[in-house]
Amino acid sequence: MKLTRDEFERIGTEPPLELFLQGIKAEETREKYLRTLRQVLCKILDEILEGDFEQRVEQLVKYGRENPDWTRDLLLNISKKLRQRTE
């Protein structure tokens, strides 16, 4: 297989949620991942992100691109909270 320069196309113009879902073939898996993502963005990050589910996805991607350290800290804080729940 070979990809030429003429065949190369930028994928980044599609909404982040669509890009996320493109890689998931099985419908059951897609639904499970969407439920999990919705719970994280709308419940766990309720006071951090704003808007509906799709807007929160856009915000998370935007913040991640603009400030990778913020995203790292966010993920570490979620991990810390989950660890506290199991202690």
PDB file of N, CA and C in Angstrom:
ATOM      1  N   MET A   1       0.844  -1.178   0.000  1.00  0.00           N
ATOM      2  CA  MET A   1       0.000   0.000   0.000  1.00  0.00           C
ATOM      3  C   MET A   1       0.886   1.235   0.000  1.00  0.00           C
ATOM      4  N   LYS A   2       0.412   2.256  -0.714  1.00  0.00           N
ATOM      5  CA  LYS A   2       1.168   3.500  -0.798  1.00  0.00           C
ATOM      6  C   LYS A   2       0.171   4.660  -0.847  1.00  0.00           C
ATOM      7  N   LEU A   3       0.482   5.713  -0.132  1.00  0.00           N
ATOM      8  CA  LEU A   3      -0.351   6.909  -0.118  1.00  0.00           C
ATOM      9  C   LEU A   3       0.430   8.017  -0.809  1.00  0.00           C
ATOM     10  N   THR A   4      -0.138   8.581  -1.849  1.00  0.00           N
ATOM     11  CA  THR A   4       0.539   9.648  -2.584  1.00  0.00           C
ATOM     12  C   THR A   4       0.147  11.013  -2.028  1.00  0.00           C
ATOM     13  N   ARG A   5       0.889  12.025  -2.416  1.00  0.00           N
ATOM     14  CA  ARG A   5       0.570  13.389  -1.980  1.00  0.00           C
ATOM     15  C   ARG A   5      -0.801  13.826  -2.485  1.00  0.00           C
ATOM     16  N   ASP A   6      -1.148  13.404  -3.679  1.00  0.00           N
ATOM     17  CA  ASP A   6      -2.456  13.760  -4.238  1.00  0.00           C
ATOM     18  C   ASP A   6      -3.601  13.106  -3.475  1.00  0.00           C
ATOM     19  N   GLU A   7      -3.352  11.941  -2.901  1.00  0.00           N
ATOM     20  CA  GLU A   7      -4.388  11.221  -2.159  1.00  0.00           C
ATOM     21  C   GLU A   7      -4.534  11.720  -0.723  1.00  0.00           C
ATOM     22  N   PHE A   8      -3.481  12.355  -0.237  1.00  0.00           N
ATOM     23  CA  PHE A   8      -3.488  12.814   1.151  1.00  0.00           C
ATOM     24  C   PHE A   8      -4.520  13.918   1.335  1.00  0.00           C
ATOM     25  N   GLU A   9      -5.349  13.783   2.375  1.00  0.00           N
ATOM     26  CA  GLU A   9      -6.320  14.822   2.692  1.00  0.00           C
ATOM     27  C   GLU A   9      -6.345  15.064   4.188  1.00  0.00           C
ATOM     28  N   ARG A  10      -6.555  16.304   4.563  1.00  0.00           N
ATOM     29  CA  ARG A  10      -6.634  16.669   5.974  1.00  0.00           C
ATOM     30  C   ARG A  10      -7.971  16.202   6.531  1.00  0.00           C
ATOM     31  N   ILE A  11      -7.929  15.593   7.693  1.00  0.00           N
ATOM     32  CA  ILE A  11      -9.126  15.047   8.308  1.00  0.00           C
ATOM     33  C   ILE A  11      -9.692  16.012   9.344  1.00  0.00           C
ATOM     34  N   GLY A  12      -8.890  16.918   9.813  1.00  0.00           N
ATOM     35  CA  GLY A  12      -9.240  17.784  10.933  1.00  0.00           C
ATOM     36  C   GLY A  12     -10.415  18.715  10.743  1.00  0.00           C
ATOM     37  N   THR A  13     -11.020  18.762   9.566  1.00  0.00           N
ATOM     38  CA  THR A  13     -12.133  19.680   9.360  1.00  0.00           C
ATOM     39  C   THR A  13     -13.457  19.117   9.875  1.00  0.00           C
ATOM     40  N   GLU A  14     -13.507  17.837  10.146  1.00  0.00           N
ATOM     41  CA  GLU A  14     -14.731  17.226  10.659  1.00  0.00           C
ATOM     42  C   GLU A  14     -14.826  17.458  12.163  1.00  0.00           C
ATOM     43  N   PRO A  15     -16.051  17.489  12.688  1.00  0.00           N
ATOM     44  CA  PRO A  15     -16.209  17.666  14.145  1.00  0.00           C
ATOM     45  C   PRO A  15     -15.490  16.554  14.911  1.00  0.00           C
ATOM     46  N   PRO A  16     -14.895  16.882  16.057  1.00  0.00           N
ATOM     47  CA  PRO A  16     -14.130  15.900  16.827  1.00  0.00           C
ATOM     48  C   PRO A  16     -14.916  14.647  17.187  1.00  0.00           C
ATOM     49  N   LEU A  17     -16.200  14.798  17.499  1.00  0.00           N
ATOM     50  CA  LEU A  17     -17.001  13.633  17.871  1.00  0.00           C
ATOM     51  C   LEU A  17     -17.125  12.664  16.697  1.00  0.00           C
ATOM     52  N   GLU A  18     -17.283  13.194  15.490  1.00  0.00           N
ATOM     53  CA  GLU A  18     -17.346  12.329  14.305  1.00  0.00           C
ATOM     54  C   GLU A  18     -16.022  11.607  14.083  1.00  0.00           C
ATOM     55  N   LEU A  19     -14.918  12.314  14.278  1.00  0.00           N
ATOM     56  CA  LEU A  19     -13.603  11.685  14.131  1.00  0.00           C
ATOM     57  C   LEU A  19     -13.423  10.564  15.142  1.00  0.00           C
ATOM     58  N   PHE A  20     -13.879  10.790  16.363  1.00  0.00           N
ATOM     59  CA  PHE A  20     -13.797   9.777  17.419  1.00  0.00           C
ATOM     60  C   PHE A  20     -14.590   8.535  17.021  1.00  0.00           C
ATOM     61  N   LEU A  21     -15.778   8.733  16.510  1.00  0.00           N
ATOM     62  CA  LEU A  21     -16.663   7.617  16.183  1.00  0.00           C
ATOM     63  C   LEU A  21     -16.247   6.868  14.916  1.00  0.00           C
ATOM     64  N   GLN A  22     -15.506   7.507  14.035  1.00  0.00           N
ATOM     65  CA  GLN A  22     -15.082   6.862  12.782  1.00  0.00           C
ATOM     66  C   GLN A  22     -14.281   5.589  13.025  1.00  0.00           C
ATOM     67  N   GLY A  23     -13.522   5.562  14.080  1.00  0.00           N
ATOM     68  CA  GLY A  23     -12.665   4.413  14.341  1.00  0.00           C
ATOM     69  C   GLY A  23     -13.356   3.252  15.033  1.00  0.00           C
ATOM     70  N   ILE A  24     -14.636   3.409  15.347  1.00  0.00           N
ATOM     71  CA  ILE A  24     -15.360   2.368  16.074  1.00  0.00           C
ATOM     72  C   ILE A  24     -16.347   1.701  15.119  1.00  0.00           C
ATOM     73  N   LYS A  25     -16.105   0.447  14.806  1.00  0.00           N
ATOM     74  CA  LYS A  25     -16.941  -0.248  13.825  1.00  0.00           C
ATOM     75  C   LYS A  25     -18.213  -0.828  14.429  1.00  0.00           C
ATOM     76  N   ALA A  26     -18.102  -1.480  15.566  1.00  0.00           N
ATOM     77  CA  ALA A  26     -19.250  -2.161  16.164  1.00  0.00           C
ATOM     78  C   ALA A  26     -20.201  -1.155  16.809  1.00  0.00           C
ATOM     79  N   GLU A  27     -21.472  -1.265  16.475  1.00  0.00           N
ATOM     80  CA  GLU A  27     -22.482  -0.340  16.996  1.00  0.00           C
ATOM     81  C   GLU A  27     -22.587  -0.412  18.526  1.00  0.00           C
ATOM     82  N   GLU A  28     -22.509  -1.602  19.075  1.00  0.00           N
ATOM     83  CA  GLU A  28     -22.594  -1.765  20.523  1.00  0.00           C
ATOM     84  C   GLU A  28     -21.429  -1.063  21.223  1.00  0.00           C
ATOM     85  N   THR A  29     -20.246  -1.205  20.671  1.00  0.00           N
ATOM     86  CA  THR A  29     -19.066  -0.544  21.230  1.00  0.00           C
ATOM     87  C   THR A  29     -19.207   0.968  21.103  1.00  0.00           C
ATOM     88  N   ARG A  30     -19.690   1.421  19.968  1.00  0.00           N
ATOM     89  CA  ARG A  30     -19.891   2.858  19.735  1.00  0.00           C
ATOM     90  C   ARG A  30     -20.833   3.438  20.799  1.00  0.00           C
ATOM     91  N   GLU A  31     -21.942   2.750  21.051  1.00  0.00           N
ATOM     92  CA  GLU A  31     -22.910   3.224  22.040  1.00  0.00           C
ATOM     93  C   GLU A  31     -22.304   3.241  23.444  1.00  0.00           C
ATOM     94  N   LYS A  32     -21.533   2.211  23.771  1.00  0.00           N
ATOM     95  CA  LYS A  32     -20.897   2.141  25.087  1.00  0.00           C
ATOM     96  C   LYS A  32     -19.904   3.285  25.269  1.00  0.00           C
ATOM     97  N   TYR A  33     -19.075   3.529  24.267  1.00  0.00           N
ATOM     98  CA  TYR A  33     -18.089   4.605  24.353  1.00  0.00           C
ATOM     99  C   TYR A  33     -18.770   5.968  24.422  1.00  0.00           C
ATOM    100  N   LEU A  34     -19.858   6.144  23.663  1.00  0.00           N
ATOM    101  CA  LEU A  34     -20.585   7.407  23.711  1.00  0.00           C
ATOM    102  C   LEU A  34     -21.191   7.644  25.089  1.00  0.00           C
ATOM    103  N   ARG A  35     -21.763   6.603  25.690  1.00  0.00           N
ATOM    104  CA  ARG A  35     -22.325   6.732  27.043  1.00  0.00           C
ATOM    105  C   ARG A  35     -21.244   7.136  28.041  1.00  0.00           C
ATOM    106  N   THR A  36     -20.092   6.477  27.940  1.00  0.00           N
ATOM    107  CA  THR A  36     -18.993   6.773  28.859  1.00  0.00           C
ATOM    108  C   THR A  36     -18.496   8.202  28.665  1.00  0.00           C
ATOM    109  N   LEU A  37     -18.297   8.591  27.414  1.00  0.00           N
ATOM    110  CA  LEU A  37     -17.825   9.945  27.124  1.00  0.00           C
ATOM    111  C   LEU A  37     -18.835  10.976  27.593  1.00  0.00           C
ATOM    112  N   ARG A  38     -20.113  10.716  27.364  1.00  0.00           N
ATOM    113  CA  ARG A  38     -21.171  11.641  27.801  1.00  0.00           C
ATOM    114  C   ARG A  38     -21.160  11.778  29.330  1.00  0.00           C
ATOM    115  N   GLN A  39     -20.984  10.678  30.032  1.00  0.00           N
ATOM    116  CA  GLN A  39     -20.944  10.734  31.492  1.00  0.00           C
ATOM    117  C   GLN A  39     -19.754  11.560  31.979  1.00  0.00           C
ATOM    118  N   VAL A  40     -18.605  11.338  31.383  1.00  0.00           N
ATOM    119  CA  VAL A  40     -17.410  12.076  31.797  1.00  0.00           C
ATOM    120  C   VAL A  40     -17.583  13.566  31.526  1.00  0.00           C
ATOM    121  N   LEU A  41     -18.019  13.914  30.314  1.00  0.00           N
ATOM    122  CA  LEU A  41     -18.093  15.326  29.942  1.00  0.00           C
ATOM    123  C   LEU A  41     -19.259  16.066  30.593  1.00  0.00           C
ATOM    124  N   CYS A  42     -20.390  15.392  30.789  1.00  0.00           N
ATOM    125  CA  CYS A  42     -21.585  16.075  31.284  1.00  0.00           C
ATOM    126  C   CYS A  42     -21.804  15.940  32.788  1.00  0.00           C
ATOM    127  N   LYS A  43     -21.241  14.920  33.394  1.00  0.00           N
ATOM    128  CA  LYS A  43     -21.438  14.741  34.842  1.00  0.00           C
ATOM    129  C   LYS A  43     -20.159  15.007  35.623  1.00  0.00           C
ATOM    130  N   ILE A  44     -19.102  14.288  35.271  1.00  0.00           N
ATOM    131  CA  ILE A  44     -17.845  14.450  36.005  1.00  0.00           C
ATOM    132  C   ILE A  44     -17.262  15.845  35.793  1.00  0.00           C
ATOM    133  N   LEU A  45     -17.337  16.340  34.559  1.00  0.00           N
ATOM    134  CA  LEU A  45     -16.774  17.665  34.243  1.00  0.00           C
ATOM    135  C   LEU A  45     -17.854  18.730  34.136  1.00  0.00           C
ATOM    136  N   ASP A  46     -18.961  18.524  34.853  1.00  0.00           N
ATOM    137  CA  ASP A  46     -20.106  19.433  34.803  1.00  0.00           C
ATOM    138  C   ASP A  46     -19.724  20.876  35.120  1.00  0.00           C
ATOM    139  N   GLU A  47     -18.835  21.069  36.079  1.00  0.00           N
ATOM    140  CA  GLU A  47     -18.468  22.423  36.494  1.00  0.00           C
ATOM    141  C   GLU A  47     -17.239  22.960  35.757  1.00  0.00           C
ATOM    142  N   ILE A  48     -16.683  22.164  34.867  1.00  0.00           N
ATOM    143  CA  ILE A  48     -15.482  22.592  34.142  1.00  0.00           C
ATOM    144  C   ILE A  48     -15.808  22.964  32.698  1.00  0.00           C
ATOM    145  N   LEU A  49     -16.645  22.145  32.047  1.00  0.00           N
ATOM    146  CA  LEU A  49     -17.054  22.409  30.664  1.00  0.00           C
ATOM    147  C   LEU A  49     -18.485  22.919  30.647  1.00  0.00           C
ATOM    148  N   GLU A  50     -18.842  23.622  29.563  1.00  0.00           N
ATOM    149  CA  GLU A  50     -20.188  24.209  29.469  1.00  0.00           C
ATOM    150  C   GLU A  50     -20.877  23.770  28.189  1.00  0.00           C
ATOM    151  N   GLY A  51     -22.213  23.858  28.204  1.00  0.00           N
ATOM    152  CA  GLY A  51     -22.995  23.584  27.015  1.00  0.00           C
ATOM    153  C   GLY A  51     -23.489  22.154  26.950  1.00  0.00           C
ATOM    154  N   ASP A  52     -24.034  21.798  25.783  1.00  0.00           N
ATOM    155  CA  ASP A  52     -24.518  20.430  25.602  1.00  0.00           C
ATOM    156  C   ASP A  52     -23.341  19.498  25.317  1.00  0.00           C
ATOM    157  N   PHE A  53     -23.649  18.236  25.118  1.00  0.00           N
ATOM    158  CA  PHE A  53     -22.617  17.219  24.945  1.00  0.00           C
ATOM    159  C   PHE A  53     -21.643  17.571  23.820  1.00  0.00           C
ATOM    160  N   GLU A  54     -22.183  17.901  22.634  1.00  0.00           N
ATOM    161  CA  GLU A  54     -21.325  18.192  21.487  1.00  0.00           C
ATOM    162  C   GLU A  54     -20.448  19.420  21.742  1.00  0.00           C
ATOM    163  N   GLN A  55     -21.005  20.428  22.409  1.00  0.00           N
ATOM    164  CA  GLN A  55     -20.222  21.626  22.728  1.00  0.00           C
ATOM    165  C   GLN A  55     -19.095  21.295  23.700  1.00  0.00           C
ATOM    166  N   ARG A  56     -19.366  20.410  24.624  1.00  0.00           N
ATOM    167  CA  ARG A  56     -18.341  20.007  25.590  1.00  0.00           C
ATOM    168  C   ARG A  56     -17.210  19.246  24.900  1.00  0.00           C
ATOM    169  N   VAL A  57     -17.559  18.400  23.926  1.00  0.00           N
ATOM    170  CA  VAL A  57     -16.530  17.695  23.150  1.00  0.00           C
ATOM    171  C   VAL A  57     -15.639  18.722  22.457  1.00  0.00           C
ATOM    172  N   GLU A  58     -16.256  19.705  21.801  1.00  0.00           N
ATOM    173  CA  GLU A  58     -15.504  20.755  21.097  1.00  0.00           C
ATOM    174  C   GLU A  58     -14.591  21.517  22.067  1.00  0.00           C
ATOM    175  N   GLN A  59     -15.117  21.850  23.247  1.00  0.00           N
ATOM    176  CA  GLN A  59     -14.326  22.571  24.247  1.00  0.00           C
ATOM    177  C   GLN A  59     -13.112  21.762  24.690  1.00  0.00           C
ATOM    178  N   LEU A  60     -13.344  20.486  24.971  1.00  0.00           N
ATOM    179  CA  LEU A  60     -12.254  19.634  25.444  1.00  0.00           C
ATOM    180  C   LEU A  60     -11.143  19.556  24.393  1.00  0.00           C
ATOM    181  N   VAL A  61     -11.506  19.384  23.153  1.00  0.00           N
ATOM    182  CA  VAL A  61     -10.509  19.314  22.076  1.00  0.00           C
ATOM    183  C   VAL A  61      -9.805  20.656  21.926  1.00  0.00           C
ATOM    184  N   LYS A  62     -10.555  21.741  21.984  1.00  0.00           N
ATOM    185  CA  LYS A  62      -9.962  23.081  21.862  1.00  0.00           C
ATOM    186  C   LYS A  62      -8.963  23.335  22.987  1.00  0.00           C
ATOM    187  N   TYR A  63      -9.381  23.056  24.234  1.00  0.00           N
ATOM    188  CA  TYR A  63      -8.485  23.253  25.373  1.00  0.00           C
ATOM    189  C   TYR A  63      -7.249  22.367  25.249  1.00  0.00           C
ATOM    190  N   GLY A  64      -7.446  21.150  24.786  1.00  0.00           N
ATOM    191  CA  GLY A  64      -6.326  20.220  24.631  1.00  0.00           C
ATOM    192  C   GLY A  64      -5.305  20.694  23.616  1.00  0.00           C
ATOM    193  N   ARG A  65      -5.792  21.289  22.545  1.00  0.00           N
ATOM    194  CA  ARG A  65      -4.868  21.816  21.520  1.00  0.00           C
ATOM    195  C   ARG A  65      -4.150  23.066  22.010  1.00  0.00           C
ATOM    196  N   GLU A  66      -4.890  23.934  22.694  1.00  0.00           N
ATOM    197  CA  GLU A  66      -4.319  25.206  23.146  1.00  0.00           C
ATOM    198  C   GLU A  66      -3.392  25.042  24.348  1.00  0.00           C
ATOM    199  N   ASN A  67      -3.719  24.070  25.210  1.00  0.00           N
ATOM    200  CA  ASN A  67      -2.952  23.926  26.441  1.00  0.00           C
ATOM    201  C   ASN A  67      -2.870  22.449  26.843  1.00  0.00           C
ATOM    202  N   PRO A  68      -1.923  21.721  26.261  1.00  0.00           N
ATOM    203  CA  PRO A  68      -1.791  20.294  26.594  1.00  0.00           C
ATOM    204  C   PRO A  68      -1.572  20.037  28.082  1.00  0.00           C
ATOM    205  N   ASP A  69      -0.931  20.956  28.778  1.00  0.00           N
ATOM    206  CA  ASP A  69      -0.715  20.775  30.217  1.00  0.00           C
ATOM    207  C   ASP A  69      -2.035  20.775  30.979  1.00  0.00           C
ATOM    208  N   TRP A  70      -2.989  21.608  30.549  1.00  0.00           N
ATOM    209  CA  TRP A  70      -4.312  21.640  31.165  1.00  0.00           C
ATOM    210  C   TRP A  70      -4.981  20.281  31.014  1.00  0.00           C
ATOM    211  N   THR A  71      -4.879  19.702  29.832  1.00  0.00           N
ATOM    212  CA  THR A  71      -5.490  18.397  29.567  1.00  0.00           C
ATOM    213  C   THR A  71      -4.839  17.318  30.416  1.00  0.00           C
ATOM    214  N   ARG A  72      -3.531  17.344  30.508  1.00  0.00           N
ATOM    215  CA  ARG A  72      -2.820  16.381  31.361  1.00  0.00           C
ATOM    216  C   ARG A  72      -3.292  16.501  32.802  1.00  0.00           C
ATOM    217  N   ASP A  73      -3.363  17.738  33.298  1.00  0.00           N
ATOM    218  CA  ASP A  73      -3.798  17.959  34.678  1.00  0.00           C
ATOM    219  C   ASP A  73      -5.243  17.506  34.883  1.00  0.00           C
ATOM    220  N   LEU A  74      -6.080  17.744  33.898  1.00  0.00           N
ATOM    221  CA  LEU A  74      -7.473  17.309  33.980  1.00  0.00           C
ATOM    222  C   LEU A  74      -7.556  15.789  34.106  1.00  0.00           C
ATOM    223  N   LEU A  75      -6.831  15.082  33.263  1.00  0.00           N
ATOM    224  CA  LEU A  75      -6.848  13.618  33.296  1.00  0.00           C
ATOM    225  C   LEU A  75      -6.267  13.081  34.599  1.00  0.00           C
ATOM    226  N   LEU A  76      -5.227  13.708  35.094  1.00  0.00           N
ATOM    227  CA  LEU A  76      -4.635  13.285  36.366  1.00  0.00           C
ATOM    228  C   LEU A  76      -5.597  13.529  37.531  1.00  0.00           C
ATOM    229  N   ASN A  77      -6.334  14.646  37.485  1.00  0.00           N
ATOM    230  CA  ASN A  77      -7.310  14.923  38.536  1.00  0.00           C
ATOM    231  C   ASN A  77      -8.469  13.926  38.502  1.00  0.00           C
ATOM    232  N   ILE A  78      -8.922  13.552  37.310  1.00  0.00           N
ATOM    233  CA  ILE A  78      -9.966  12.533  37.201  1.00  0.00           C
ATOM    234  C   ILE A  78      -9.443  11.210  37.763  1.00  0.00           C
ATOM    235  N   SER A  79      -8.230  10.856  37.400  1.00  0.00           N
ATOM    236  CA  SER A  79      -7.630   9.623  37.893  1.00  0.00           C
ATOM    237  C   SER A  79      -7.524   9.636  39.413  1.00  0.00           C
ATOM    238  N   LYS A  80      -7.135  10.762  39.967  1.00  0.00           N
ATOM    239  CA  LYS A  80      -7.008  10.907  41.423  1.00  0.00           C
ATOM    240  C   LYS A  80      -8.369  10.711  42.098  1.00  0.00           C
ATOM    241  N   LYS A  81      -9.419  11.325  41.534  1.00  0.00           N
ATOM    242  CA  LYS A  81     -10.772  11.175  42.081  1.00  0.00           C
ATOM    243  C   LYS A  81     -11.228   9.724  42.026  1.00  0.00           C
ATOM    244  N   LEU A  82     -10.970   9.048  40.921  1.00  0.00           N
ATOM    245  CA  LEU A  82     -11.358   7.642  40.794  1.00  0.00           C
ATOM    246  C   LEU A  82     -10.615   6.771  41.791  1.00  0.00           C
ATOM    247  N   ARG A  83      -9.352   7.066  42.002  1.00  0.00           N
ATOM    248  CA  ARG A  83      -8.555   6.316  42.970  1.00  0.00           C
ATOM    249  C   ARG A  83      -9.090   6.510  44.389  1.00  0.00           C
ATOM    250  N   GLN A  84      -9.501   7.744  44.718  1.00  0.00           N
ATOM    251  CA  GLN A  84     -10.062   8.034  46.038  1.00  0.00           C
ATOM    252  C   GLN A  84     -11.345   7.259  46.277  1.00  0.00           C
ATOM    253  N   ARG A  85     -12.132   7.063  45.235  1.00  0.00           N
ATOM    254  CA  ARG A  85     -13.396   6.323  45.366  1.00  0.00           C
ATOM    255  C   ARG A  85     -13.172   4.868  45.737  1.00  0.00           C
ATOM    256  N   THR A  86     -12.045   4.321  45.331  1.00  0.00           N
ATOM    257  CA  THR A  86     -11.784   2.903  45.578  1.00  0.00           C
ATOM    258  C   THR A  86     -11.038   2.646  46.884  1.00  0.00           C
ATOM    259  N   GLU A  87     -10.625   3.679  47.562  1.00  0.00           N
ATOM    260  CA  GLU A  87      -9.886   3.509  48.826  1.00  0.00           C
ATOM    261  C   GLU A  87     -10.820   3.337  49.992  1.00  0.00           C
TER     262      GLU A  87
END
